[in-house]
Amino acid sequence: MNRSSRDIIFLIRETELDSIVFEKEIENLHQIFARTETISQFCRVHESVNRNSITSKRTRLMKYLHEEQHKPFRFLINKN
């Protein structure tokens, strides 16, 4: 994911923070997000729910994600 396309808010207690330190912290956060925002991780934490079934299969989740128009009574739910 492009760093500039991410929206995130930082709440920092320190009033004077060196810009080099701040950039290093942003880069560290970006690396953490890059590891967790993979498609395999996405498939682990989501499931596709149909009116009659629930599945966690990666192929079905990918098929659902690539559909232009979703069918009625089909949902993508986070397992959390």
C-alpha atoms as a PDB file:
ATOM      1  CA  MET A   1       0.000   0.000   0.000  1.00  0.00           C
ATOM      2  CA  ASN A   2       1.229   3.452  -0.781  1.00  0.00           C
ATOM      3  CA  ARG A   3       2.220   5.383   2.363  1.00  0.00           C
ATOM      4  CA  SER A   4       0.567   8.544   1.158  1.00  0.00           C
ATOM      5  CA  SER A   5      -2.826   6.864   0.737  1.00  0.00           C
ATOM      6  CA  ARG A   6      -3.143   5.840   4.389  1.00  0.00           C
ATOM      7  CA  ASP A   7      -5.246   7.920   6.800  1.00  0.00           C
ATOM      8  CA  ILE A   8      -4.173   7.626  10.401  1.00  0.00           C
ATOM      9  CA  ILE A   9      -4.207   9.944  13.405  1.00  0.00           C
ATOM     10  CA  PHE A  10      -1.325  10.089  15.863  1.00  0.00           C
ATOM     11  CA  LEU A  11      -1.759  11.351  19.401  1.00  0.00           C
ATOM     12  CA  ILE A  12       1.642  12.297  20.779  1.00  0.00           C
ATOM     13  CA  ARG A  13       2.265  13.484  24.322  1.00  0.00           C
ATOM     14  CA  GLU A  14       5.658  15.002  23.657  1.00  0.00           C
ATOM     15  CA  THR A  15       5.459  18.608  22.564  1.00  0.00           C
ATOM     16  CA  GLU A  16       8.859  18.680  20.925  1.00  0.00           C
ATOM     17  CA  LEU A  17       9.438  15.665  18.717  1.00  0.00           C
ATOM     18  CA  ASP A  18      12.345  15.603  16.327  1.00  0.00           C
ATOM     19  CA  SER A  19      11.193  15.216  12.717  1.00  0.00           C
ATOM     20  CA  ILE A  20      13.754  12.443  12.093  1.00  0.00           C
ATOM     21  CA  VAL A  21      12.430  10.454  15.054  1.00  0.00           C
ATOM     22  CA  PHE A  22       8.862  11.039  13.906  1.00  0.00           C
ATOM     23  CA  GLU A  23       9.653   9.831  10.355  1.00  0.00           C
ATOM     24  CA  LYS A  24      11.339   6.719  11.805  1.00  0.00           C
ATOM     25  CA  GLU A  25       8.222   5.964  13.870  1.00  0.00           C
ATOM     26  CA  ILE A  26       6.023   6.378  10.784  1.00  0.00           C
ATOM     27  CA  GLU A  27       8.259   4.022   8.817  1.00  0.00           C
ATOM     28  CA  ASN A  28       8.104   1.419  11.616  1.00  0.00           C
ATOM     29  CA  LEU A  29       4.300   1.619  11.660  1.00  0.00           C
ATOM     30  CA  HIS A  30       4.212   1.288   7.896  1.00  0.00           C
ATOM     31  CA  GLN A  31       6.278  -1.908   8.109  1.00  0.00           C
ATOM     32  CA  ILE A  32       3.925  -3.339  10.726  1.00  0.00           C
ATOM     33  CA  PHE A  33       0.882  -2.526   8.586  1.00  0.00           C
ATOM     34  CA  ALA A  34       2.516  -3.989   5.477  1.00  0.00           C
ATOM     35  CA  ARG A  35       2.929  -7.333   7.243  1.00  0.00           C
ATOM     36  CA  THR A  36      -0.662  -7.442   8.465  1.00  0.00           C
ATOM     37  CA  GLU A  37      -2.407  -6.145   5.338  1.00  0.00           C
ATOM     38  CA  THR A  38      -1.633  -9.140   3.138  1.00  0.00           C
ATOM     39  CA  ILE A  39      -4.347 -11.072   1.328  1.00  0.00           C
ATOM     40  CA  SER A  40      -3.523 -14.256   3.253  1.00  0.00           C
ATOM     41  CA  GLN A  41      -3.991 -12.430   6.560  1.00  0.00           C
ATOM     42  CA  PHE A  42      -7.222 -10.911   5.260  1.00  0.00           C
ATOM     43  CA  CYS A  43      -8.543 -14.380   4.394  1.00  0.00           C
ATOM     44  CA  ARG A  44      -7.647 -15.686   7.854  1.00  0.00           C
ATOM     45  CA  VAL A  45      -9.742 -13.109   9.643  1.00  0.00           C
ATOM     46  CA  HIS A  46     -12.797 -12.929   7.359  1.00  0.00           C
ATOM     47  CA  GLU A  47     -15.487 -15.333   6.284  1.00  0.00           C
ATOM     48  CA  SER A  48     -18.096 -15.245   3.572  1.00  0.00           C
ATOM     49  CA  VAL A  49     -21.637 -15.729   4.806  1.00  0.00           C
ATOM     50  CA  ASN A  50     -24.367 -16.853   2.477  1.00  0.00           C
ATOM     51  CA  ARG A  51     -27.943 -17.293   3.514  1.00  0.00           C
ATOM     52  CA  ASN A  52     -27.328 -21.055   3.718  1.00  0.00           C
ATOM     53  CA  SER A  53     -23.605 -21.419   4.459  1.00  0.00           C
ATOM     54  CA  ILE A  54     -20.484 -19.921   5.979  1.00  0.00           C
ATOM     55  CA  THR A  55     -17.048 -20.403   4.450  1.00  0.00           C
ATOM     56  CA  SER A  56     -13.480 -19.321   5.161  1.00  0.00           C
ATOM     57  CA  LYS A  57     -12.048 -20.767   1.952  1.00  0.00           C
ATOM     58  CA  ARG A  58      -9.602 -18.398   0.313  1.00  0.00           C
ATOM     59  CA  THR A  59     -10.874 -19.063  -3.224  1.00  0.00           C
ATOM     60  CA  ARG A  60     -14.442 -18.176  -2.319  1.00  0.00           C
ATOM     61  CA  LEU A  61     -13.370 -15.077  -0.413  1.00  0.00           C
ATOM     62  CA  MET A  62     -11.298 -13.896  -3.377  1.00  0.00           C
ATOM     63  CA  LYS A  63     -14.191 -14.572  -5.738  1.00  0.00           C
ATOM     64  CA  TYR A  64     -16.482 -12.522  -3.500  1.00  0.00           C
ATOM     65  CA  LEU A  65     -14.000  -9.638  -3.355  1.00  0.00           C
ATOM     66  CA  HIS A  66     -13.651  -9.485  -7.138  1.00  0.00           C
ATOM     67  CA  GLU A  67     -17.373  -9.469  -7.894  1.00  0.00           C
ATOM     68  CA  GLU A  68     -18.632  -6.218  -9.380  1.00  0.00           C
ATOM     69  CA  GLN A  69     -22.112  -6.590  -7.942  1.00  0.00           C
ATOM     70  CA  HIS A  70     -22.714  -8.725  -4.864  1.00  0.00           C
ATOM     71  CA  LYS A  71     -25.644 -11.070  -4.743  1.00  0.00           C
ATOM     72  CA  PRO A  72     -28.354 -10.523  -2.132  1.00  0.00           C
ATOM     73  CA  PHE A  73     -27.887 -12.134   1.300  1.00  0.00           C
ATOM     74  CA  ARG A  74     -24.138 -12.597   0.891  1.00  0.00           C
ATOM     75  CA  PHE A  75     -21.865 -10.879   3.361  1.00  0.00           C
ATOM     76  CA  LEU A  76     -18.221 -10.607   4.261  1.00  0.00           C
ATOM     77  CA  ILE A  77     -17.820 -10.724   8.020  1.00  0.00           C
ATOM     78  CA  ASN A  78     -14.774 -10.212  10.209  1.00  0.00           C
ATOM     79  CA  LYS A  79     -14.298 -13.130  12.605  1.00  0.00           C
ATOM     80  CA  ASN A  80     -13.167 -10.800  15.349  1.00  0.00           C
END
